[in-house]
Amino acid sequence: MPMPHVIVTGAAGFIGQALVRRLLREGLGGRPVEALTAVDLHFGGPDADPDPRVARVTGSVADA
């Protein structure tokens, strides 16, 4: 069974950040998350300890 790839919009916000951390820590439906795409209009800066499973995309779900 393939591992889930999760996309989190609003990932730089308070709730988005908490969701990303929880998904990376606990997985999804009992399965580990191997790839996560974090999408937001802007990110506050590079993480002190970036997780290699996370790809940051600057943009909006409304973008073409």
N, C-alpha and C. Protein backbone atom coordinates (compact mmCIF):
# COMPACT_ATOMS: atom_id res chain seq x y z
N MET A 1 0.85 -1.17 0.00
CA MET A 1 0.00 0.00 0.00
C MET A 1 0.90 1.24 0.00
N PRO A 2 0.65 2.21 -0.89
CA PRO A 2 1.50 3.40 -0.94
C PRO A 2 1.33 4.27 0.30
N MET A 3 2.40 4.93 0.68
CA MET A 3 2.37 5.85 1.80
C MET A 3 1.67 7.13 1.36
N PRO A 4 0.94 7.79 2.26
CA PRO A 4 0.21 8.99 1.87
C PRO A 4 1.13 10.17 1.61
N HIS A 5 0.79 10.95 0.58
CA HIS A 5 1.42 12.25 0.33
C HIS A 5 0.35 13.27 0.67
N VAL A 6 0.64 14.12 1.63
CA VAL A 6 -0.33 15.06 2.16
C VAL A 6 -0.01 16.47 1.68
N ILE A 7 -1.06 17.24 1.32
CA ILE A 7 -0.91 18.66 1.00
C ILE A 7 -1.65 19.45 2.06
N VAL A 8 -0.95 20.40 2.69
CA VAL A 8 -1.55 21.25 3.72
C VAL A 8 -1.55 22.68 3.20
N THR A 9 -2.73 23.26 2.98
CA THR A 9 -2.81 24.66 2.59
C THR A 9 -2.90 25.50 3.86
N GLY A 10 -2.38 26.71 3.78
CA GLY A 10 -2.33 27.55 4.99
C GLY A 10 -1.31 27.01 5.97
N ALA A 11 -0.27 26.38 5.45
CA ALA A 11 0.69 25.66 6.29
C ALA A 11 1.55 26.55 7.17
N ALA A 12 1.66 27.84 6.85
CA ALA A 12 2.48 28.74 7.66
C ALA A 12 1.70 29.36 8.81
N GLY A 13 0.40 29.16 8.83
CA GLY A 13 -0.43 29.69 9.91
C GLY A 13 -0.32 28.86 11.17
N PHE A 14 -0.93 29.35 12.23
CA PHE A 14 -0.87 28.69 13.53
C PHE A 14 -1.39 27.25 13.46
N ILE A 15 -2.58 27.08 12.91
CA ILE A 15 -3.17 25.74 12.83
C ILE A 15 -2.43 24.88 11.81
N GLY A 16 -2.05 25.48 10.68
CA GLY A 16 -1.32 24.73 9.65
C GLY A 16 -0.01 24.18 10.16
N GLN A 17 0.73 24.99 10.91
CA GLN A 17 2.01 24.53 11.48
C GLN A 17 1.79 23.36 12.43
N ALA A 18 0.78 23.48 13.28
CA ALA A 18 0.48 22.41 14.23
C ALA A 18 0.08 21.13 13.50
N LEU A 19 -0.71 21.28 12.44
CA LEU A 19 -1.14 20.12 11.66
C LEU A 19 0.04 19.44 10.98
N VAL A 20 0.93 20.21 10.39
CA VAL A 20 2.11 19.64 9.74
C VAL A 20 2.94 18.86 10.75
N ARG A 21 3.21 19.47 11.91
CA ARG A 21 4.01 18.77 12.94
C ARG A 21 3.33 17.46 13.37
N ARG A 22 2.01 17.52 13.57
CA ARG A 22 1.30 16.32 14.03
C ARG A 22 1.31 15.23 12.97
N LEU A 23 1.08 15.59 11.72
CA LEU A 23 1.09 14.59 10.65
C LEU A 23 2.45 13.93 10.52
N LEU A 24 3.51 14.71 10.63
CA LEU A 24 4.86 14.14 10.53
C LEU A 24 5.17 13.24 11.72
N ARG A 25 4.67 13.61 12.87
CA ARG A 25 4.94 12.85 14.10
C ARG A 25 4.09 11.58 14.18
N GLU A 26 2.75 11.71 13.88
CA GLU A 26 1.82 10.61 14.12
C GLU A 26 1.38 9.88 12.87
N GLY A 27 1.59 10.47 11.71
CA GLY A 27 1.14 9.84 10.48
C GLY A 27 -0.33 10.13 10.21
N LEU A 28 -0.87 9.40 9.26
CA LEU A 28 -2.26 9.59 8.83
C LEU A 28 -2.93 8.23 8.75
N GLY A 29 -3.96 8.04 9.55
CA GLY A 29 -4.68 6.77 9.55
C GLY A 29 -3.81 5.59 9.92
N GLY A 30 -2.85 5.85 10.82
CA GLY A 30 -1.97 4.76 11.25
C GLY A 30 -0.81 4.50 10.31
N ARG A 31 -0.71 5.27 9.24
CA ARG A 31 0.39 5.08 8.28
C ARG A 31 1.30 6.31 8.33
N PRO A 32 2.62 6.12 8.26
CA PRO A 32 3.53 7.26 8.30
C PRO A 32 3.39 8.11 7.04
N VAL A 33 3.59 9.40 7.21
CA VAL A 33 3.59 10.33 6.08
C VAL A 33 5.02 10.42 5.56
N GLU A 34 5.22 10.05 4.30
CA GLU A 34 6.56 10.09 3.72
C GLU A 34 6.80 11.34 2.91
N ALA A 35 5.73 12.04 2.50
CA ALA A 35 5.88 13.27 1.73
C ALA A 35 4.74 14.21 2.10
N LEU A 36 5.11 15.46 2.35
CA LEU A 36 4.11 16.46 2.71
C LEU A 36 4.45 17.75 1.97
N THR A 37 3.46 18.32 1.30
CA THR A 37 3.64 19.59 0.61
C THR A 37 2.93 20.66 1.43
N ALA A 38 3.69 21.66 1.87
CA ALA A 38 3.16 22.76 2.65
C ALA A 38 2.98 23.95 1.71
N VAL A 39 1.75 24.47 1.62
CA VAL A 39 1.43 25.57 0.72
C VAL A 39 0.94 26.77 1.52
N ASP A 40 1.50 27.94 1.23
CA ASP A 40 1.01 29.18 1.83
C ASP A 40 1.52 30.35 1.01
N LEU A 41 0.96 31.53 1.25
CA LEU A 41 1.35 32.72 0.51
C LEU A 41 2.78 33.14 0.82
N HIS A 42 3.22 32.94 2.03
CA HIS A 42 4.60 33.23 2.42
C HIS A 42 4.94 32.44 3.67
N PHE A 43 6.21 32.16 3.80
CA PHE A 43 6.70 31.44 4.97
C PHE A 43 7.61 32.39 5.73
N GLY A 44 7.63 32.29 7.04
CA GLY A 44 8.37 33.20 7.88
C GLY A 44 9.88 33.09 7.79
N GLY A 45 10.39 32.07 7.19
CA GLY A 45 11.83 31.87 7.09
C GLY A 45 12.14 30.39 7.12
N PRO A 46 13.37 30.05 6.88
CA PRO A 46 13.73 28.63 6.87
C PRO A 46 13.61 28.02 8.27
N ASP A 47 13.22 26.78 8.30
CA ASP A 47 13.14 26.07 9.58
C ASP A 47 14.55 25.88 10.13
N ALA A 48 14.65 25.89 11.44
CA ALA A 48 15.95 25.63 12.06
C ALA A 48 16.40 24.21 11.78
N ASP A 49 15.45 23.29 11.74
CA ASP A 49 15.74 21.88 11.49
C ASP A 49 14.71 21.37 10.48
N PRO A 50 14.91 21.65 9.19
CA PRO A 50 13.91 21.25 8.20
C PRO A 50 13.76 19.74 8.08
N ASP A 51 12.56 19.30 7.88
CA ASP A 51 12.28 17.88 7.71
C ASP A 51 12.37 17.56 6.22
N PRO A 52 13.16 16.58 5.82
CA PRO A 52 13.32 16.28 4.39
C PRO A 52 12.04 15.78 3.72
N ARG A 53 11.03 15.42 4.50
CA ARG A 53 9.76 14.97 3.92
C ARG A 53 8.88 16.13 3.47
N VAL A 54 9.24 17.37 3.87
CA VAL A 54 8.38 18.52 3.60
C VAL A 54 8.92 19.34 2.44
N ALA A 55 8.04 19.60 1.46
CA ALA A 55 8.35 20.52 0.36
C ALA A 55 7.47 21.75 0.55
N ARG A 56 8.09 22.93 0.58
CA ARG A 56 7.35 24.18 0.73
C ARG A 56 7.04 24.76 -0.65
N VAL A 57 5.81 25.16 -0.84
CA VAL A 57 5.38 25.78 -2.09
C VAL A 57 4.75 27.12 -1.72
N THR A 58 5.31 28.21 -2.26
CA THR A 58 4.76 29.53 -2.01
C THR A 58 3.69 29.80 -3.07
N GLY A 59 2.47 30.01 -2.62
CA GLY A 59 1.37 30.27 -3.54
C GLY A 59 0.05 30.10 -2.84
N SER A 60 -0.99 30.12 -3.66
CA SER A 60 -2.36 30.03 -3.17
C SER A 60 -3.08 28.93 -3.92
N VAL A 61 -4.07 28.35 -3.30
CA VAL A 61 -4.89 27.35 -4.01
C VAL A 61 -5.67 28.02 -5.13
N ALA A 62 -5.78 29.35 -5.10
CA ALA A 62 -6.49 30.08 -6.15
C ALA A 62 -5.60 30.36 -7.36
N ASP A 63 -4.28 30.12 -7.24
CA ASP A 63 -3.37 30.34 -8.38
C ASP A 63 -3.65 29.34 -9.48
N ALA A 64 -3.41 29.77 -10.69
CA ALA A 64 -3.61 28.88 -11.86
C ALA A 64 -2.58 27.77 -11.87
